Protein backbone atom coordinates (compact mmCIF):
# COMPACT_ATOMS: atom_id res chain seq x y z
CA MET A 1 122.44 93.42 123.28
CA LEU A 2 122.81 95.92 120.41
CA ARG A 3 125.34 93.65 118.72
CA ASN A 4 123.00 90.68 119.04
CA PHE A 5 120.13 92.70 117.60
CA TRP A 6 122.22 93.74 114.61
CA GLN A 7 123.16 90.08 114.10
CA PHE A 8 119.44 89.23 114.34
CA ILE A 9 118.64 91.72 111.56
CA THR A 10 121.44 90.57 109.24
CA ASP A 11 120.73 86.85 109.78
CA THR A 12 117.02 87.43 109.19
CA LEU A 13 117.74 89.23 105.92
CA ARG A 14 119.98 86.38 104.81
CA LEU A 15 117.40 83.80 105.90
CA ILE A 16 114.54 85.27 103.83
CA THR A 17 116.68 85.05 100.69
CA ARG A 18 117.06 81.30 101.06
CA GLY A 19 114.42 78.75 100.12
CA ASN A 20 113.34 76.00 97.79
CA ARG A 21 112.02 76.39 94.24
CA TYR A 22 108.42 76.73 95.41
CA TYR A 23 109.42 79.60 97.67
CA TYR A 24 111.25 81.38 94.83
CA ALA A 25 108.32 80.76 92.45
CA TRP A 26 105.86 82.28 94.93
CA ILE A 27 108.11 85.30 95.53
CA GLY A 28 108.55 85.73 91.78
CA PHE A 29 104.79 85.62 91.22
CA LEU A 30 104.23 88.29 93.88
CA LEU A 31 106.96 90.49 92.41
CA LEU A 32 105.32 90.16 88.98
CA LEU A 33 101.99 91.36 90.39
CA ILE A 34 103.77 94.23 92.14
CA ALA A 35 105.42 95.21 88.85
CA ILE A 36 102.04 95.17 87.03
CA GLY A 37 100.46 97.22 89.81
CA THR A 38 103.35 99.69 89.79
CA GLY A 39 103.03 100.18 86.05
CA ALA A 40 99.29 100.79 86.37
CA TYR A 41 99.86 103.24 89.21
CA ILE A 42 102.46 105.18 87.22
CA GLY A 43 99.86 105.55 84.47
CA GLN A 44 97.34 106.77 87.05
CA VAL A 45 99.77 109.35 88.40
CA ASN A 46 100.58 110.60 84.89
CA ASP A 47 96.97 110.80 83.65
CA GLY A 48 95.15 111.42 86.94
CA LEU A 49 92.25 109.61 88.60
CA ILE A 50 90.27 109.91 85.35
CA VAL A 51 91.79 106.52 84.39
CA THR A 52 89.71 105.02 87.19
CA ARG A 53 85.94 104.87 86.91
CA MET A 54 85.44 107.07 89.95
CA ARG A 55 83.66 110.33 89.15
CA ASP A 56 82.07 113.25 91.01
CA GLN A 57 78.99 111.11 91.74
CA VAL A 58 81.03 108.14 93.06
CA SER A 59 84.25 109.60 94.44
CA TRP A 60 85.12 106.53 96.56
CA GLY A 61 85.37 103.14 94.92
CA PHE A 62 87.43 99.96 94.76
CA TYR A 63 90.42 101.42 96.63
CA ILE A 64 88.49 102.61 99.67
CA GLY A 65 86.36 99.46 99.70
CA ASN A 66 89.50 97.34 100.01
CA PHE A 67 90.92 99.71 102.61
CA THR A 68 87.81 99.35 104.77
CA PHE A 69 87.85 95.56 104.48
CA LEU A 70 91.54 95.29 105.36
CA VAL A 71 91.19 97.49 108.45
CA GLY A 72 88.80 94.81 109.68
CA VAL A 73 91.33 92.07 108.90
CA ALA A 74 93.95 93.96 110.92
CA ALA A 75 91.56 94.43 113.85
CA ALA A 76 90.73 90.72 113.94
CA ALA A 77 94.04 89.88 115.66
CA ILE A 78 92.30 90.41 119.00
CA MET A 79 90.25 87.27 118.31
CA LEU A 80 93.48 85.47 119.25
CA VAL A 81 94.71 87.91 121.87
CA ILE A 82 91.61 87.77 124.11
CA PRO A 83 91.44 83.97 124.63
CA ALA A 84 95.24 83.72 124.74
CA TYR A 85 96.14 86.48 127.20
CA VAL A 86 92.89 87.46 128.92
CA TYR A 87 91.83 83.84 129.56
CA ASP A 88 95.38 82.42 129.41
CA TRP A 89 94.42 79.66 126.96
CA GLU A 90 97.68 78.04 125.87
CA PRO A 91 96.65 76.42 122.52
CA ILE A 92 95.89 79.87 121.04
CA LYS A 93 98.70 81.72 122.85
CA GLU A 94 101.21 79.72 120.81
CA ILE A 95 99.87 81.15 117.52
CA THR A 96 98.98 84.70 118.59
CA ILE A 97 102.11 86.04 116.91
CA LEU A 98 100.75 84.82 113.56
CA GLY A 99 97.64 86.98 114.02
CA GLU A 100 99.83 89.98 114.80
CA MET A 101 101.88 89.33 111.65
CA LEU A 102 98.66 89.20 109.64
CA ALA A 103 97.66 92.54 111.20
CA ILE A 104 100.97 94.10 110.12
CA SER A 105 100.51 92.92 106.54
CA ALA A 106 96.90 94.14 106.45
CA LEU A 107 97.86 97.57 107.80
CA ILE A 108 100.59 97.96 105.18
CA MET A 109 97.99 97.20 102.50
CA CYS A 110 95.60 99.70 104.12
CA LEU A 111 98.19 102.46 103.88
CA GLY A 112 98.86 101.45 100.28
CA PHE A 113 95.19 101.82 99.31
CA VAL A 114 95.02 105.22 100.99
CA MET A 115 98.11 106.27 99.05
CA VAL A 116 96.78 105.27 95.62
CA ASP A 117 93.37 106.84 96.29
CA ILE A 118 94.98 110.26 96.74
CA GLY A 119 94.77 112.22 93.51
CA ARG A 120 97.92 114.13 94.36
CA PRO A 121 100.36 111.64 95.93
CA ASP A 122 102.94 114.40 96.28
CA ARG A 123 100.71 115.76 99.04
CA PHE A 124 100.71 112.53 101.00
CA TRP A 125 103.11 114.06 103.50
CA HIS A 126 100.26 116.19 104.84
CA ILE A 127 98.76 113.17 106.64
CA ILE A 128 102.05 111.89 108.12
CA PRO A 129 102.00 112.37 111.92
CA LEU A 130 104.53 114.92 113.24
CA VAL A 131 105.32 115.94 109.64
CA GLY A 132 102.11 117.13 108.00
CA ARG A 133 99.24 119.27 109.27
CA LEU A 134 96.60 116.76 110.31
CA ASN A 135 93.93 119.16 111.61
CA TRP A 136 93.81 117.02 114.72
CA PRO A 137 91.57 116.57 116.70
CA GLN A 138 88.83 118.01 114.46
CA SER A 139 89.48 115.71 111.49
CA MET A 140 88.31 112.10 111.69
CA LEU A 141 90.84 111.28 108.96
CA ALA A 142 93.58 112.52 111.29
CA TRP A 143 92.32 110.18 114.01
CA ASP A 144 92.31 107.31 111.51
CA VAL A 145 95.89 107.98 110.42
CA ILE A 146 97.07 108.14 114.03
CA VAL A 147 95.40 104.96 115.30
CA LEU A 148 96.38 102.95 112.22
CA ASN A 149 100.03 103.94 112.52
CA LEU A 150 100.11 103.37 116.28
CA TYR A 151 98.53 99.93 115.88
CA LEU A 152 101.05 99.10 113.14
CA LEU A 153 103.99 100.17 115.33
CA LEU A 154 102.61 98.26 118.33
CA ASN A 155 102.26 95.00 116.41
CA TRP A 156 105.62 95.46 114.70
CA PHE A 157 107.36 95.98 118.06
CA VAL A 158 105.70 92.99 119.73
CA VAL A 159 106.46 90.65 116.80
CA THR A 160 110.07 91.86 116.50
CA TYR A 161 110.68 91.58 120.24
CA LEU A 162 109.22 88.07 120.52
CA LEU A 163 111.21 86.81 117.54
CA PHE A 164 114.40 88.44 118.88
CA CYS A 165 113.88 86.66 122.20
CA ALA A 166 113.41 83.36 120.35
CA TYR A 167 116.53 84.07 118.28
CA THR A 168 118.65 84.71 121.40
CA ASP A 169 117.17 81.75 123.34
CA ARG A 170 115.72 84.06 126.01
CA HIS A 171 112.25 84.11 127.48
CA TYR A 172 110.38 87.35 126.83
CA VAL A 173 109.82 89.80 129.68
CA LYS A 174 106.17 89.28 130.61
CA LYS A 175 105.89 92.68 132.32
CA LEU A 176 106.77 94.30 128.98
CA VAL A 177 104.84 92.10 126.53
CA LEU A 178 101.59 91.55 128.44
CA PRO A 179 100.64 95.26 128.78
CA LEU A 180 101.41 95.87 125.11
CA VAL A 181 99.40 92.85 123.98
CA LEU A 182 96.47 93.88 126.17
CA LEU A 183 96.77 97.45 124.83
CA SER A 184 96.32 96.01 121.35
CA ILE A 185 92.73 95.03 122.25
CA PRO A 186 91.33 98.59 122.61
CA MET A 187 93.56 99.76 119.78
CA ALA A 188 92.20 97.08 117.44
CA VAL A 189 88.68 98.17 118.35
CA SER A 190 89.63 101.82 117.85
CA ILE A 191 91.05 101.43 114.32
CA HIS A 192 87.81 100.00 112.97
CA THR A 193 85.63 102.28 115.08
CA VAL A 194 87.38 105.38 113.77
CA THR A 195 87.13 104.02 110.22
CA ALA A 196 83.38 103.61 110.76
CA TYR A 197 83.21 107.19 112.07
CA LEU A 198 84.73 108.40 108.79
CA TYR A 199 81.51 107.22 107.13
CA ASN A 200 79.16 107.77 110.05
CA GLY A 201 80.20 111.41 110.46
CA LEU A 202 79.05 112.34 106.94
CA ALA A 203 75.55 113.55 107.79
CA ALA A 204 74.74 114.21 104.13
CA ARG A 205 75.11 110.47 103.38
CA PRO A 206 72.07 108.83 105.05
CA PHE A 207 73.14 105.28 104.13
CA TRP A 208 76.24 105.66 106.34
CA ASN A 209 74.75 107.95 108.97
CA SER A 210 73.78 105.19 111.39
CA ALA A 211 74.62 104.80 115.08
CA ILE A 212 75.22 101.04 114.69
CA LEU A 213 77.70 101.34 111.81
CA ALA A 214 80.72 100.98 114.12
CA PRO A 215 79.36 97.83 115.84
CA ARG A 216 78.57 96.40 112.38
CA PHE A 217 82.14 97.08 111.28
CA LEU A 218 83.56 95.34 114.35
CA ALA A 219 81.22 92.33 114.12
CA SER A 220 82.08 91.72 110.47
CA ALA A 221 85.80 92.22 111.14
CA PHE A 222 85.85 89.63 113.90
CA CYS A 223 84.63 86.94 111.52
CA SER A 224 86.34 87.89 108.22
CA GLY A 225 89.86 88.27 109.64
CA PRO A 226 89.83 84.91 111.46
CA ALA A 227 88.41 83.29 108.30
CA ILE A 228 91.65 84.19 106.52
CA LEU A 229 93.71 83.13 109.53
CA LEU A 230 92.08 79.68 109.76
CA ILE A 231 93.07 78.91 106.16
CA LEU A 232 96.61 80.14 106.80
CA LEU A 233 96.95 78.03 109.95
CA GLN A 234 96.01 74.90 108.05
CA VAL A 235 98.49 75.72 105.27
CA LEU A 236 101.26 76.35 107.82
CA ARG A 237 100.50 73.10 109.60
CA LYS A 238 100.95 71.16 106.36
CA THR A 239 104.01 73.03 105.04
CA THR A 240 105.99 73.62 108.26
CA LYS A 241 106.73 71.87 111.54
CA LEU A 242 104.59 74.30 113.53
CA SER A 243 102.36 72.48 116.01
CA ILE A 244 98.91 74.05 115.63
CA LYS A 245 96.33 72.16 117.67
CA ASP A 246 92.89 71.29 116.31
CA GLU A 247 91.27 72.72 119.44
CA ALA A 248 92.76 76.15 118.70
CA ILE A 249 91.30 76.17 115.20
CA PHE A 250 87.91 74.92 116.37
CA LYS A 251 87.78 77.51 119.18
CA ILE A 252 88.40 80.32 116.71
CA ALA A 253 85.63 78.89 114.51
CA GLU A 254 83.26 78.87 117.49
CA LEU A 255 84.00 82.52 118.25
CA MET A 256 83.41 83.35 114.59
CA ALA A 257 79.93 81.81 114.79
CA TYR A 258 78.95 84.26 117.52
CA THR A 259 80.38 87.31 115.76
CA MET A 260 78.83 86.31 112.42
CA GLY A 261 75.44 85.93 114.07
CA PHE A 262 75.77 89.36 115.67
CA ASN A 263 76.82 90.85 112.32
CA LEU A 264 73.75 89.40 110.59
CA PHE A 265 71.51 90.68 113.39
CA LEU A 266 72.87 94.23 113.12
CA THR A 267 72.52 94.18 109.33
CA ALA A 268 68.92 93.00 109.61
CA ALA A 269 68.17 95.69 112.22
CA GLU A 270 69.51 98.40 109.93
CA ALA A 271 67.58 97.07 106.93
CA PHE A 272 64.36 96.91 108.98
CA LYS A 273 64.74 100.49 110.15
CA GLU A 274 65.15 101.77 106.60
CA LEU A 275 62.64 99.58 104.78
CA TYR A 276 59.85 99.61 107.37
CA SER A 277 59.99 103.37 107.95
CA GLY A 278 59.64 104.01 104.22
CA THR A 279 61.33 107.43 104.31
CA GLU A 280 63.17 109.06 101.42
CA HIS A 281 66.38 107.61 102.79
CA MET A 282 65.14 104.12 101.92
CA VAL A 283 66.21 104.77 98.33
CA TYR A 284 69.81 103.71 99.08
CA PHE A 285 68.81 100.34 100.55
CA GLN A 286 66.37 99.91 97.70
CA TYR A 287 69.14 100.48 95.15
CA LEU A 288 71.32 97.92 96.95
CA LEU A 289 68.76 95.17 97.53
CA PHE A 290 66.16 95.56 94.80
CA GLY A 291 67.52 97.99 92.21
CA LEU A 292 66.28 101.45 91.27
CA LYS A 293 64.96 102.80 87.96
CA GLY A 294 66.07 99.66 86.17
CA HIS A 295 69.59 99.74 87.64
CA THR A 296 70.23 96.38 89.33
CA THR A 297 74.03 96.14 89.16
CA LEU A 298 74.48 95.62 92.90
CA VAL A 299 71.44 93.43 93.54
CA PRO A 300 73.02 90.00 92.81
CA PHE A 301 76.10 90.92 94.84
CA ALA A 302 74.04 92.15 97.79
CA TRP A 303 71.95 88.99 97.98
CA ALA A 304 75.02 86.81 97.42
CA SER A 305 76.62 88.50 100.44
CA ILE A 306 73.53 87.89 102.59
CA LEU A 307 73.14 84.24 101.53
CA CYS A 308 76.86 83.51 101.97
CA GLY A 309 76.73 85.03 105.45
CA LEU A 310 73.69 82.99 106.45
CA ALA A 311 75.18 79.75 105.11
CA ALA A 312 78.49 80.38 106.88
CA PHE A 313 76.70 81.20 110.14
CA ILE A 314 74.89 77.84 110.05
CA LEU A 315 78.10 75.96 109.23
CA PHE A 316 79.99 77.53 112.13
CA LEU A 317 77.10 77.40 114.60
CA VAL A 318 76.64 73.61 114.43
CA PRO A 319 79.60 71.92 116.23
CA ARG A 320 79.75 68.85 113.97
CA PHE A 321 79.84 71.11 110.90
CA ARG A 322 82.63 73.42 112.11
CA THR A 323 84.76 70.43 113.15
CA ASN A 324 84.51 68.95 109.67
CA TRP A 325 87.51 70.28 107.73
CA THR A 326 85.72 70.51 104.39
CA LEU A 327 82.75 72.39 105.83
CA LEU A 328 85.03 74.53 107.98
CA ASN A 329 87.00 75.71 104.95
CA LEU A 330 83.82 76.21 102.93
CA GLY A 331 82.50 78.38 105.75
CA CYS A 332 85.70 80.45 105.77
CA VAL A 333 85.39 81.09 102.03
CA LEU A 334 81.71 82.03 102.41
CA ILE A 335 82.45 84.44 105.27
CA TYR A 336 85.27 86.05 103.32
CA ALA A 337 83.03 86.52 100.27
CA SER A 338 80.13 87.84 102.36
CA VAL A 339 82.13 90.45 104.26
CA TYR A 340 84.26 91.45 101.27
CA ILE A 341 81.12 92.33 99.30
CA GLU A 342 79.48 93.97 102.32
CA LYS A 343 82.53 96.14 103.09
CA GLY A 344 83.26 96.89 99.43
CA MET A 345 80.59 97.61 96.83
CA GLY A 346 77.83 96.89 99.37
CA LEU A 347 78.97 99.77 101.57
CA ILE A 348 80.66 102.31 99.32
CA ILE A 349 78.45 102.44 96.23
CA PRO A 350 74.98 102.63 97.86
CA GLY A 351 76.24 105.42 100.11
CA LEU A 352 76.97 107.51 97.01
CA THR A 353 74.16 106.30 94.68
CA PRO A 354 71.92 107.98 93.78
CA ASP A 355 73.75 111.28 94.21
CA ALA A 356 72.36 114.51 95.69
CA LEU A 357 70.59 115.30 92.38
CA GLY A 358 69.06 111.84 92.11
CA GLU A 359 71.39 110.75 89.31
CA ILE A 360 72.48 107.11 89.19
CA TYR A 361 76.04 106.59 88.04
CA VAL A 362 76.87 102.89 87.59
CA TYR A 363 80.38 102.38 88.90
CA ARG A 364 82.55 99.41 88.00
CA PRO A 365 86.30 99.20 88.76
CA SER A 366 88.58 99.88 85.80
CA TYR A 367 91.56 97.78 84.75
CA THR A 368 93.83 100.34 86.39
CA GLU A 369 92.08 99.98 89.74
CA VAL A 370 92.14 96.18 89.62
CA ALA A 371 95.82 96.10 88.59
CA VAL A 372 96.87 98.57 91.28
CA ALA A 373 94.85 96.66 93.89
CA ALA A 374 96.48 93.38 92.82
CA GLY A 375 99.89 95.00 93.30
CA ILE A 376 98.99 96.21 96.80
CA PHE A 377 97.65 92.80 97.82
CA ALA A 378 100.86 91.27 96.47
CA ILE A 379 102.89 93.63 98.67
CA GLY A 380 100.89 92.50 101.70
CA PHE A 381 101.32 88.81 100.84
CA LEU A 382 105.04 89.40 100.25
CA VAL A 383 105.47 91.05 103.65
CA PHE A 384 103.58 88.22 105.36
CA THR A 385 105.56 85.56 103.47
CA LEU A 386 108.92 87.08 104.40
CA MET A 387 107.89 87.43 108.04
CA LEU A 388 106.80 83.80 108.08
CA LYS A 389 110.05 82.70 106.44
CA ALA A 390 111.98 84.18 109.33
CA ALA A 391 109.48 83.54 112.13
CA VAL A 392 108.77 79.82 111.66
CA PRO A 393 112.32 78.51 112.26
CA MET A 394 112.75 80.94 115.17
CA MET A 395 109.49 79.84 116.77
CA LEU A 396 110.57 76.21 116.40
CA GLY A 397 113.97 76.93 117.92
CA GLU A 398 115.73 75.80 114.75
CA PHE A 399 117.24 79.21 113.98
CA THR A 400 118.96 80.93 116.90
CA LEU A 401 122.01 83.08 117.52
CA THR A 402 124.17 80.02 118.13
CA ARG A 403 122.72 77.84 115.37
CA GLY A 404 121.79 80.46 112.79
CA ARG A 405 125.02 80.54 110.82
CA LYS A 406 125.13 76.77 110.47
CA ARG A 407 121.61 76.91 109.05
CA LEU A 408 122.50 79.69 106.62
CA ASP A 409 125.56 77.81 105.44
CA ALA A 410 123.39 74.79 104.55
CA PRO A 411 122.40 74.33 100.87
CA GLU A 412 118.76 75.18 101.64
CA ALA A 413 117.23 77.09 104.51
CA GLY A 414 114.37 74.69 105.08
CA PRO A 415 110.73 74.62 103.98
CA VAL A 416 108.30 77.49 103.45
């Protein structure tokens, strides 16, 4: 078994280095972005966080906004797990592993954004479980680090085990896989719930101090993550031999309609509570939706997020719209845009603006932040691409222990 696993690792490494010119071009583009991001990050480490546009008034910005969004993408894997393993629906069960691979990539990007947001990266070891001093269980950040790492390890183990079974032409042990996959459901909920508690627990920030923040996080996650996955499934169906049924895609779209509707309802409920009560805390919603003291930087983005969400909800709610490929993809793009704005500048900036003294600091990401973020996203895409490069032929039964070397000795290791 150990010998076969070592052969699995070495053959996988050899497999991901083989491909056609489009594969090499894509990998080269991602490596270029990673190089640009690395250079920008080195400059940030040398000069400090002053090279970003974060200041005392707005101490969280583009990095943490992306982190929050990507935690939701990682949590969205359960949108495949529940119908596949709880209701034993075969069309989705066949592609569940792709959702888990997306979760792994998203979690790696999450950890990357946490890393670059730390002003002293040499102190990163303090938040490493079993190595640093986490101040657990008092610290919500400690809880976040623990659940994110456990969810990453869980998905990594399940994906590796399933691909190893495919590589060795063996059926997976259901008594081992099923409990772990079902465990991923509460863990996926927990990673985004704990992330919401990081904001919710800050009593001095009224914009975040809401009891429904965690449900809002989960509702938005369960529509934004699948929106990305639906696009990826269509790309994979056109570029590989994977058999991805229409009914699986349309079922995911139907589930997204319900979660998007719930997300819009929770957002409206929160806005009503703040705007109708007319308390001093309304100032943060006012800054987001209508502007304050002539500052309207966020207003177009806030309304664009709301309108995109409403349009996407209608497209996915009507069956004949969500089964039309053009409208389906348009809805995915609209959902992505809506939630990305909501989880980014629509969440972070209003929570910090105006500050405790009433000062309004207009925050916009700097070149350094955008370049570093592009590098981190490129790392995530690279990880996902390499996993796909190995997983697709194994899932199809084209690359196994007995047939792997013949495939590697061929001039080209297939599509992707």
